[in-house]
Amino acid sequence: MLGFGIGISVFFLLLVLLFGAVIFFITKDLRKTADDWIRIVAKAGGLSEQEIREFDRQAMEPDSLILNHLGKLKSFTTGQKKGILTRDYICLYGGNAPGVLKLSHLKEAYLKDNTYYVKVGKTSKQAHYLTINLKSTDEKKRMGRDIPGGSQGAPGGIGAPLFRD
């Protein structure tokens, strides 16, 4: 009977440790300060911390546009989020950190038509989604995000240039 009690105790101890580890990893990013996030985004985007602070200031102005290209449910299920377009910057959220690109560094912007097939009953229906692709002048920074339900773009899935410097 003592062995059974020890077994249950070990089981609950492992359960508590597992729960603690999950809570630790979930709250890991909550402990970061605004300065930490600015450093992370600046490093990921190849911009200075001052430029990220300027983007943050511009994002709060009334002339900024919020890019909601997936909708709430699709955004939640795919892990892709919104973007922000300001006077001098564009930011597309996705992955671990937002990608901020200075518009003066933007060399090309493309929309690419992507096609996939969805099985509906006994037939397959064609569905489309658009991908935004941005390329900077230094060729190091490239960003792409999906826009489901789109049907624009060049035939054959080749990106149609929206902007070329």
N, C-alpha and C. Protein backbone atom coordinates (compact mmCIF):
# COMPACT_ATOMS: atom_id res chain seq x y z
N MET A 1 0.81 -1.18 0.00
CA MET A 1 0.00 0.00 0.00
C MET A 1 0.86 1.26 0.00
N LEU A 2 2.03 1.22 0.62
CA LEU A 2 2.93 2.36 0.67
C LEU A 2 3.46 2.68 -0.73
N GLY A 3 3.74 1.65 -1.55
CA GLY A 3 4.22 1.85 -2.91
C GLY A 3 3.19 2.55 -3.78
N PHE A 4 1.92 2.21 -3.57
CA PHE A 4 0.84 2.85 -4.32
C PHE A 4 0.76 4.34 -4.00
N GLY A 5 0.90 4.70 -2.74
CA GLY A 5 0.86 6.11 -2.31
C GLY A 5 2.03 6.89 -2.85
N ILE A 6 3.22 6.27 -2.89
CA ILE A 6 4.40 6.93 -3.44
C ILE A 6 4.21 7.15 -4.95
N GLY A 7 3.64 6.17 -5.62
CA GLY A 7 3.39 6.29 -7.06
C GLY A 7 2.45 7.44 -7.38
N ILE A 8 1.38 7.57 -6.60
CA ILE A 8 0.44 8.68 -6.81
C ILE A 8 1.12 10.01 -6.51
N SER A 9 1.94 10.06 -5.48
CA SER A 9 2.65 11.29 -5.12
C SER A 9 3.60 11.70 -6.23
N VAL A 10 4.33 10.75 -6.79
CA VAL A 10 5.26 11.04 -7.89
C VAL A 10 4.48 11.52 -9.11
N PHE A 11 3.34 10.89 -9.39
CA PHE A 11 2.52 11.30 -10.53
C PHE A 11 2.08 12.76 -10.38
N PHE A 12 1.57 13.14 -9.22
CA PHE A 12 1.12 14.51 -9.01
C PHE A 12 2.28 15.49 -8.98
N LEU A 13 3.44 15.07 -8.48
CA LEU A 13 4.62 15.92 -8.51
C LEU A 13 5.03 16.21 -9.95
N LEU A 14 5.03 15.19 -10.81
CA LEU A 14 5.37 15.39 -12.22
C LEU A 14 4.32 16.27 -12.91
N LEU A 15 3.07 16.11 -12.54
CA LEU A 15 2.00 16.92 -13.11
C LEU A 15 2.18 18.39 -12.74
N VAL A 16 2.53 18.66 -11.49
CA VAL A 16 2.76 20.03 -11.03
C VAL A 16 3.98 20.63 -11.73
N LEU A 17 5.05 19.86 -11.89
CA LEU A 17 6.25 20.35 -12.58
C LEU A 17 5.94 20.65 -14.04
N LEU A 18 5.18 19.80 -14.70
CA LEU A 18 4.81 20.03 -16.09
C LEU A 18 3.95 21.28 -16.21
N PHE A 19 2.99 21.45 -15.32
CA PHE A 19 2.14 22.63 -15.32
C PHE A 19 2.97 23.89 -15.09
N GLY A 20 3.92 23.84 -14.17
CA GLY A 20 4.81 24.98 -13.91
C GLY A 20 5.65 25.34 -15.12
N ALA A 21 6.16 24.33 -15.83
CA ALA A 21 6.96 24.58 -17.03
C ALA A 21 6.11 25.23 -18.12
N VAL A 22 4.89 24.76 -18.29
CA VAL A 22 3.99 25.35 -19.29
C VAL A 22 3.70 26.80 -18.96
N ILE A 23 3.40 27.10 -17.72
CA ILE A 23 3.13 28.48 -17.29
C ILE A 23 4.36 29.35 -17.51
N PHE A 24 5.55 28.82 -17.23
CA PHE A 24 6.79 29.58 -17.42
C PHE A 24 6.96 29.98 -18.88
N PHE A 25 6.77 29.04 -19.79
CA PHE A 25 6.98 29.33 -21.21
C PHE A 25 5.88 30.22 -21.78
N ILE A 26 4.68 30.12 -21.25
CA ILE A 26 3.59 30.99 -21.72
C ILE A 26 3.83 32.43 -21.28
N THR A 27 4.31 32.63 -20.08
CA THR A 27 4.49 33.99 -19.55
C THR A 27 5.88 34.55 -19.79
N LYS A 28 6.72 33.84 -20.51
CA LYS A 28 8.09 34.27 -20.74
C LYS A 28 8.16 35.64 -21.41
N ASP A 29 7.33 35.86 -22.44
CA ASP A 29 7.36 37.14 -23.15
C ASP A 29 6.69 38.27 -22.38
N LEU A 30 5.88 37.95 -21.40
CA LEU A 30 5.22 39.00 -20.62
C LEU A 30 6.21 39.74 -19.73
N ARG A 31 7.35 39.13 -19.44
CA ARG A 31 8.34 39.76 -18.57
C ARG A 31 9.22 40.77 -19.32
N LYS A 32 9.10 40.84 -20.65
CA LYS A 32 9.93 41.76 -21.42
C LYS A 32 9.36 43.17 -21.34
N THR A 33 10.25 44.14 -21.25
CA THR A 33 9.85 45.54 -21.20
C THR A 33 9.73 46.08 -22.63
N ALA A 34 9.23 47.30 -22.75
CA ALA A 34 9.10 47.94 -24.07
C ALA A 34 10.48 48.09 -24.72
N ASP A 35 11.51 48.41 -23.92
CA ASP A 35 12.86 48.55 -24.47
C ASP A 35 13.39 47.22 -25.00
N ASP A 36 13.05 46.12 -24.32
CA ASP A 36 13.45 44.79 -24.81
C ASP A 36 12.82 44.51 -26.17
N TRP A 37 11.52 44.79 -26.30
CA TRP A 37 10.83 44.55 -27.57
C TRP A 37 11.37 45.44 -28.67
N ILE A 38 11.71 46.68 -28.35
CA ILE A 38 12.28 47.59 -29.35
C ILE A 38 13.61 47.04 -29.85
N ARG A 39 14.46 46.53 -28.95
CA ARG A 39 15.73 45.94 -29.35
C ARG A 39 15.52 44.72 -30.24
N ILE A 40 14.55 43.87 -29.88
CA ILE A 40 14.29 42.65 -30.64
C ILE A 40 13.81 43.00 -32.06
N VAL A 41 12.86 43.91 -32.15
CA VAL A 41 12.31 44.28 -33.46
C VAL A 41 13.35 45.01 -34.30
N ALA A 42 14.15 45.86 -33.68
CA ALA A 42 15.21 46.57 -34.41
C ALA A 42 16.24 45.60 -34.97
N LYS A 43 16.62 44.63 -34.16
CA LYS A 43 17.61 43.65 -34.61
C LYS A 43 17.04 42.79 -35.74
N ALA A 44 15.78 42.37 -35.62
CA ALA A 44 15.17 41.52 -36.65
C ALA A 44 14.98 42.28 -37.96
N GLY A 45 14.68 43.58 -37.88
CA GLY A 45 14.40 44.35 -39.09
C GLY A 45 15.57 45.08 -39.67
N GLY A 46 16.70 45.08 -38.98
CA GLY A 46 17.86 45.79 -39.50
C GLY A 46 17.74 47.31 -39.38
N LEU A 47 16.88 47.78 -38.50
CA LEU A 47 16.72 49.21 -38.27
C LEU A 47 17.32 49.57 -36.91
N SER A 48 17.53 50.87 -36.70
CA SER A 48 18.04 51.31 -35.40
C SER A 48 16.89 51.38 -34.40
N GLU A 49 17.24 51.42 -33.13
CA GLU A 49 16.22 51.53 -32.09
C GLU A 49 15.47 52.86 -32.21
N GLN A 50 16.16 53.91 -32.63
CA GLN A 50 15.52 55.21 -32.80
C GLN A 50 14.47 55.15 -33.91
N GLU A 51 14.75 54.40 -34.98
CA GLU A 51 13.77 54.27 -36.07
C GLU A 51 12.54 53.49 -35.60
N ILE A 52 12.74 52.47 -34.77
CA ILE A 52 11.61 51.72 -34.24
C ILE A 52 10.77 52.60 -33.32
N ARG A 53 11.42 53.43 -32.52
CA ARG A 53 10.68 54.36 -31.66
C ARG A 53 9.89 55.37 -32.50
N GLU A 54 10.47 55.81 -33.62
CA GLU A 54 9.76 56.72 -34.51
C GLU A 54 8.55 56.01 -35.15
N PHE A 55 8.73 54.75 -35.54
CA PHE A 55 7.60 53.96 -36.07
C PHE A 55 6.50 53.85 -35.01
N ASP A 56 6.88 53.59 -33.77
CA ASP A 56 5.91 53.47 -32.68
C ASP A 56 5.14 54.78 -32.50
N ARG A 57 5.84 55.89 -32.59
CA ARG A 57 5.18 57.19 -32.46
C ARG A 57 4.22 57.42 -33.63
N GLN A 58 4.65 57.10 -34.86
CA GLN A 58 3.80 57.30 -36.03
C GLN A 58 2.59 56.36 -36.03
N ALA A 59 2.76 55.17 -35.47
CA ALA A 59 1.66 54.20 -35.46
C ALA A 59 0.48 54.69 -34.63
N MET A 60 0.72 55.57 -33.67
CA MET A 60 -0.35 56.09 -32.83
C MET A 60 -1.04 57.31 -33.44
N GLU A 61 -0.55 57.80 -34.56
CA GLU A 61 -1.16 58.97 -35.19
C GLU A 61 -2.39 58.57 -35.98
N PRO A 62 -3.33 59.51 -36.16
CA PRO A 62 -4.61 59.17 -36.81
C PRO A 62 -4.49 58.84 -38.30
N ASP A 63 -3.40 59.21 -38.96
CA ASP A 63 -3.29 58.91 -40.39
C ASP A 63 -2.68 57.53 -40.66
N SER A 64 -2.40 56.75 -39.63
CA SER A 64 -1.89 55.39 -39.81
C SER A 64 -3.02 54.45 -40.20
N LEU A 65 -2.70 53.46 -41.00
CA LEU A 65 -3.69 52.49 -41.45
C LEU A 65 -3.39 51.13 -40.84
N ILE A 66 -4.43 50.44 -40.38
CA ILE A 66 -4.27 49.08 -39.87
C ILE A 66 -4.61 48.12 -41.00
N LEU A 67 -3.69 47.21 -41.29
CA LEU A 67 -3.89 46.23 -42.35
C LEU A 67 -4.41 44.96 -41.71
N ASN A 68 -5.67 44.66 -41.94
CA ASN A 68 -6.28 43.44 -41.40
C ASN A 68 -6.57 42.54 -42.58
N HIS A 69 -5.59 41.76 -42.98
CA HIS A 69 -5.72 41.01 -44.22
C HIS A 69 -6.22 39.59 -44.05
N LEU A 70 -6.50 39.14 -42.86
CA LEU A 70 -6.99 37.78 -42.67
C LEU A 70 -8.35 37.69 -42.02
N GLY A 71 -8.74 38.65 -41.26
CA GLY A 71 -9.96 38.52 -40.47
C GLY A 71 -9.61 37.94 -39.11
N LYS A 72 -10.51 38.08 -38.14
CA LYS A 72 -10.20 37.69 -36.76
C LYS A 72 -9.99 36.19 -36.59
N LEU A 73 -10.89 35.37 -37.11
CA LEU A 73 -10.79 33.93 -36.91
C LEU A 73 -9.59 33.35 -37.65
N LYS A 74 -9.42 33.70 -38.90
CA LYS A 74 -8.30 33.17 -39.69
C LYS A 74 -6.97 33.65 -39.11
N SER A 75 -6.93 34.90 -38.66
CA SER A 75 -5.72 35.43 -38.06
C SER A 75 -5.34 34.65 -36.81
N PHE A 76 -6.33 34.30 -35.98
CA PHE A 76 -6.07 33.55 -34.76
C PHE A 76 -5.59 32.13 -35.08
N THR A 77 -6.24 31.47 -36.04
CA THR A 77 -5.92 30.06 -36.31
C THR A 77 -4.61 29.89 -37.07
N THR A 78 -4.20 30.88 -37.87
CA THR A 78 -2.96 30.76 -38.63
C THR A 78 -1.77 31.37 -37.92
N GLY A 79 -2.00 32.16 -36.88
CA GLY A 79 -0.91 32.79 -36.16
C GLY A 79 -0.42 34.05 -36.83
N GLN A 80 -1.03 34.44 -37.95
CA GLN A 80 -0.65 35.67 -38.63
C GLN A 80 -1.57 36.78 -38.16
N LYS A 81 -1.02 37.93 -37.99
CA LYS A 81 -1.78 39.02 -37.42
C LYS A 81 -1.87 40.17 -38.40
N LYS A 82 -2.17 41.32 -37.89
CA LYS A 82 -2.38 42.50 -38.70
C LYS A 82 -1.06 43.18 -39.05
N GLY A 83 -1.17 44.26 -39.73
CA GLY A 83 -0.02 45.10 -40.04
C GLY A 83 -0.39 46.54 -39.84
N ILE A 84 0.60 47.41 -39.92
CA ILE A 84 0.38 48.85 -39.77
C ILE A 84 1.15 49.56 -40.88
N LEU A 85 0.49 50.49 -41.52
CA LEU A 85 1.12 51.33 -42.53
C LEU A 85 1.10 52.76 -42.02
N THR A 86 2.29 53.34 -41.85
CA THR A 86 2.40 54.73 -41.40
C THR A 86 2.96 55.57 -42.54
N ARG A 87 3.25 56.83 -42.26
CA ARG A 87 3.83 57.71 -43.28
C ARG A 87 5.16 57.18 -43.80
N ASP A 88 6.00 56.66 -42.92
CA ASP A 88 7.36 56.29 -43.30
C ASP A 88 7.67 54.81 -43.17
N TYR A 89 6.77 54.00 -42.61
CA TYR A 89 7.07 52.60 -42.31
C TYR A 89 5.90 51.69 -42.67
N ILE A 90 6.21 50.42 -42.90
CA ILE A 90 5.19 49.39 -43.00
C ILE A 90 5.62 48.26 -42.07
N CYS A 91 4.66 47.71 -41.36
CA CYS A 91 4.93 46.64 -40.40
C CYS A 91 3.95 45.52 -40.68
N LEU A 92 4.44 44.32 -40.89
CA LEU A 92 3.60 43.14 -41.05
C LEU A 92 3.91 42.18 -39.92
N TYR A 93 2.87 41.81 -39.18
CA TYR A 93 3.05 40.92 -38.04
C TYR A 93 2.96 39.48 -38.50
N GLY A 94 3.77 38.64 -37.89
CA GLY A 94 3.76 37.22 -38.17
C GLY A 94 5.03 36.61 -37.58
N GLY A 95 4.98 35.36 -37.23
CA GLY A 95 6.14 34.76 -36.60
C GLY A 95 6.31 35.28 -35.19
N ASN A 96 7.56 35.39 -34.75
CA ASN A 96 7.82 35.80 -33.37
C ASN A 96 7.87 37.31 -33.18
N ALA A 97 8.22 38.04 -34.23
CA ALA A 97 8.35 39.49 -34.07
C ALA A 97 7.80 40.16 -35.32
N PRO A 98 7.29 41.38 -35.16
CA PRO A 98 6.81 42.09 -36.34
C PRO A 98 7.96 42.49 -37.25
N GLY A 99 7.71 42.50 -38.54
CA GLY A 99 8.71 42.93 -39.50
C GLY A 99 8.44 44.38 -39.88
N VAL A 100 9.32 45.28 -39.49
CA VAL A 100 9.17 46.70 -39.79
C VAL A 100 10.14 47.05 -40.90
N LEU A 101 9.63 47.71 -41.91
CA LEU A 101 10.44 48.11 -43.06
C LEU A 101 10.19 49.59 -43.33
N LYS A 102 11.25 50.33 -43.51
CA LYS A 102 11.13 51.75 -43.82
C LYS A 102 10.73 51.88 -45.29
N LEU A 103 9.72 52.68 -45.57
CA LEU A 103 9.22 52.80 -46.94
C LEU A 103 10.26 53.35 -47.90
N SER A 104 11.18 54.18 -47.41
CA SER A 104 12.24 54.69 -48.28
C SER A 104 13.22 53.59 -48.67
N HIS A 105 13.24 52.48 -47.93
CA HIS A 105 14.10 51.35 -48.26
C HIS A 105 13.39 50.30 -49.10
N LEU A 106 12.10 50.52 -49.37
CA LEU A 106 11.32 49.56 -50.12
C LEU A 106 11.68 49.64 -51.60
N LYS A 107 12.10 48.52 -52.14
CA LYS A 107 12.49 48.47 -53.55
C LYS A 107 11.35 47.93 -54.41
N GLU A 108 10.72 46.85 -53.97
CA GLU A 108 9.65 46.22 -54.73
C GLU A 108 8.56 45.73 -53.79
N ALA A 109 7.34 45.76 -54.29
CA ALA A 109 6.20 45.19 -53.57
C ALA A 109 5.38 44.39 -54.58
N TYR A 110 5.09 43.15 -54.23
CA TYR A 110 4.37 42.27 -55.13
C TYR A 110 3.15 41.67 -54.44
N LEU A 111 2.11 41.42 -55.22
CA LEU A 111 1.01 40.57 -54.82
C LEU A 111 1.12 39.31 -55.66
N LYS A 112 1.11 38.17 -55.04
CA LYS A 112 1.21 36.91 -55.76
C LYS A 112 -0.08 36.12 -55.54
N ASP A 113 -0.66 35.66 -56.65
CA ASP A 113 -1.88 34.86 -56.59
C ASP A 113 -1.48 33.41 -56.37
N ASN A 114 -1.95 32.83 -55.29
CA ASN A 114 -1.68 31.42 -54.98
C ASN A 114 -2.98 30.65 -55.08
N THR A 115 -2.92 29.45 -55.65
CA THR A 115 -4.11 28.63 -55.85
C THR A 115 -3.96 27.32 -55.09
N TYR A 116 -5.04 26.89 -54.48
CA TYR A 116 -5.08 25.57 -53.86
C TYR A 116 -6.48 25.02 -54.06
N TYR A 117 -6.63 23.73 -53.84
CA TYR A 117 -7.92 23.07 -54.07
C TYR A 117 -8.47 22.54 -52.75
N VAL A 118 -9.78 22.73 -52.57
CA VAL A 118 -10.47 22.29 -51.37
C VAL A 118 -11.48 21.24 -51.78
N LYS A 119 -11.46 20.09 -51.10
CA LYS A 119 -12.41 19.04 -51.42
C LYS A 119 -13.75 19.37 -50.78
N VAL A 120 -14.77 19.47 -51.61
CA VAL A 120 -16.13 19.74 -51.17
C VAL A 120 -16.99 18.59 -51.67
N GLY A 121 -17.38 17.72 -50.77
CA GLY A 121 -18.15 16.54 -51.17
C GLY A 121 -17.29 15.65 -52.06
N LYS A 122 -17.78 15.38 -53.27
CA LYS A 122 -17.04 14.54 -54.21
C LYS A 122 -16.24 15.34 -55.22
N THR A 123 -16.33 16.66 -55.15
CA THR A 123 -15.61 17.50 -56.11
C THR A 123 -14.56 18.34 -55.39
N SER A 124 -13.65 18.88 -56.15
CA SER A 124 -12.64 19.81 -55.63
C SER A 124 -12.91 21.19 -56.19
N LYS A 125 -12.87 22.18 -55.32
CA LYS A 125 -13.07 23.56 -55.75
C LYS A 125 -11.77 24.32 -55.61
N GLN A 126 -11.55 25.21 -56.55
CA GLN A 126 -10.35 26.01 -56.55
C GLN A 126 -10.53 27.21 -55.62
N ALA A 127 -9.53 27.50 -54.81
CA ALA A 127 -9.54 28.66 -53.91
C ALA A 127 -8.25 29.44 -54.13
N HIS A 128 -8.32 30.72 -53.84
CA HIS A 128 -7.16 31.60 -54.04
C HIS A 128 -6.83 32.34 -52.75
N TYR A 129 -5.58 32.70 -52.63
CA TYR A 129 -5.17 33.67 -51.61
C TYR A 129 -4.00 34.45 -52.16
N LEU A 130 -3.88 35.68 -51.72
CA LEU A 130 -2.80 36.54 -52.18
C LEU A 130 -1.70 36.58 -51.14
N THR A 131 -0.49 36.73 -51.62
CA THR A 131 0.65 36.91 -50.73
C THR A 131 1.27 38.27 -51.01
N ILE A 132 1.48 39.05 -49.96
CA ILE A 132 2.18 40.33 -50.09
C ILE A 132 3.67 40.02 -49.94
N ASN A 133 4.48 40.45 -50.88
CA ASN A 133 5.92 40.28 -50.79
C ASN A 133 6.57 41.65 -50.90
N LEU A 134 7.40 41.98 -49.94
CA LEU A 134 8.12 43.25 -49.92
C LEU A 134 9.61 42.97 -49.96
N LYS A 135 10.35 43.76 -50.74
CA LYS A 135 11.79 43.58 -50.83
C LYS A 135 12.46 44.93 -50.63
N SER A 136 13.48 44.97 -49.78
CA SER A 136 14.15 46.23 -49.48
C SER A 136 15.31 46.46 -50.46
N THR A 137 15.85 47.67 -50.44
CA THR A 137 16.93 48.03 -51.35
C THR A 137 18.21 47.28 -51.06
N ASP A 138 18.45 46.88 -49.80
CA ASP A 138 19.68 46.16 -49.49
C ASP A 138 19.55 44.66 -49.72
N GLU A 139 18.39 44.20 -50.23
CA GLU A 139 18.13 42.81 -50.58
C GLU A 139 18.20 41.85 -49.39
N LYS A 140 18.45 42.35 -48.19
CA LYS A 140 18.53 41.48 -47.02
C LYS A 140 17.17 41.28 -46.37
N LYS A 141 16.33 42.28 -46.47
CA LYS A 141 15.04 42.26 -45.78
C LYS A 141 13.94 41.93 -46.77
N ARG A 142 13.29 40.78 -46.57
CA ARG A 142 12.15 40.40 -47.39
C ARG A 142 11.04 39.96 -46.46
N MET A 143 9.83 40.38 -46.76
CA MET A 143 8.69 40.00 -45.93
C MET A 143 7.59 39.51 -46.85
N GLY A 144 6.88 38.49 -46.41
CA GLY A 144 5.73 38.00 -47.16
C GLY A 144 4.64 37.59 -46.20
N ARG A 145 3.40 37.94 -46.50
CA ARG A 145 2.25 37.58 -45.69
C ARG A 145 1.11 37.19 -46.60
N ASP A 146 0.27 36.27 -46.15
CA ASP A 146 -0.83 35.77 -46.95
C ASP A 146 -2.11 36.57 -46.73
N ILE A 147 -2.90 36.67 -47.81
CA ILE A 147 -4.21 37.30 -47.76
C ILE A 147 -5.18 36.30 -48.39
N PRO A 148 -5.88 35.48 -47.62
CA PRO A 148 -6.78 34.49 -48.20
C PRO A 148 -7.97 35.12 -48.90
N GLY A 149 -8.50 34.38 -49.87
CA GLY A 149 -9.71 34.82 -50.56
C GLY A 149 -9.46 35.78 -51.70
N GLY A 150 -8.22 36.18 -51.92
CA GLY A 150 -7.92 37.10 -53.00
C GLY A 150 -7.94 36.41 -54.35
N SER A 151 -8.14 37.17 -55.40
CA SER A 151 -8.12 36.59 -56.73
C SER A 151 -7.38 37.48 -57.70
N GLN A 152 -6.64 38.46 -57.19
CA GLN A 152 -5.89 39.35 -58.06
C GLN A 152 -4.48 38.81 -58.25
N GLY A 153 -3.77 39.39 -59.15
CA GLY A 153 -2.39 38.99 -59.40
C GLY A 153 -2.22 38.54 -60.82
N ALA A 154 -1.00 38.31 -61.20
CA ALA A 154 -0.71 37.91 -62.57
C ALA A 154 -1.08 36.46 -62.79
N PRO A 155 -1.44 36.08 -64.02
CA PRO A 155 -1.78 34.69 -64.28
C PRO A 155 -0.60 33.77 -64.04
N GLY A 156 -0.90 32.55 -63.68
CA GLY A 156 0.16 31.57 -63.49
C GLY A 156 0.87 31.69 -62.17
N GLY A 157 0.38 32.54 -61.28
CA GLY A 157 0.98 32.65 -59.95
C GLY A 157 2.22 33.51 -59.91
N ILE A 158 2.55 34.21 -60.97
CA ILE A 158 3.72 35.07 -60.99
C ILE A 158 3.35 36.38 -60.32
N GLY A 159 4.21 36.90 -59.47
CA GLY A 159 3.89 38.11 -58.73
C GLY A 159 3.68 39.30 -59.64
N ALA A 160 2.66 40.05 -59.41
CA ALA A 160 2.38 41.27 -60.16
C ALA A 160 2.95 42.44 -59.37
N PRO A 161 3.88 43.20 -59.97
CA PRO A 161 4.48 44.30 -59.20
C PRO A 161 3.48 45.40 -58.92
N LEU A 162 3.40 45.78 -57.64
CA LEU A 162 2.58 46.90 -57.24
C LEU A 162 3.41 48.18 -57.25
N PHE A 163 4.66 48.02 -56.89
CA PHE A 163 5.55 49.16 -56.73
C PHE A 163 6.96 48.71 -57.07
N ARG A 164 7.63 49.47 -57.86
CA ARG A 164 9.03 49.17 -58.16
C ARG A 164 9.77 50.48 -58.20
N ASP A 165 10.85 50.57 -57.46
CA ASP A 165 11.63 51.81 -57.37
C ASP A 165 12.44 52.02 -58.62
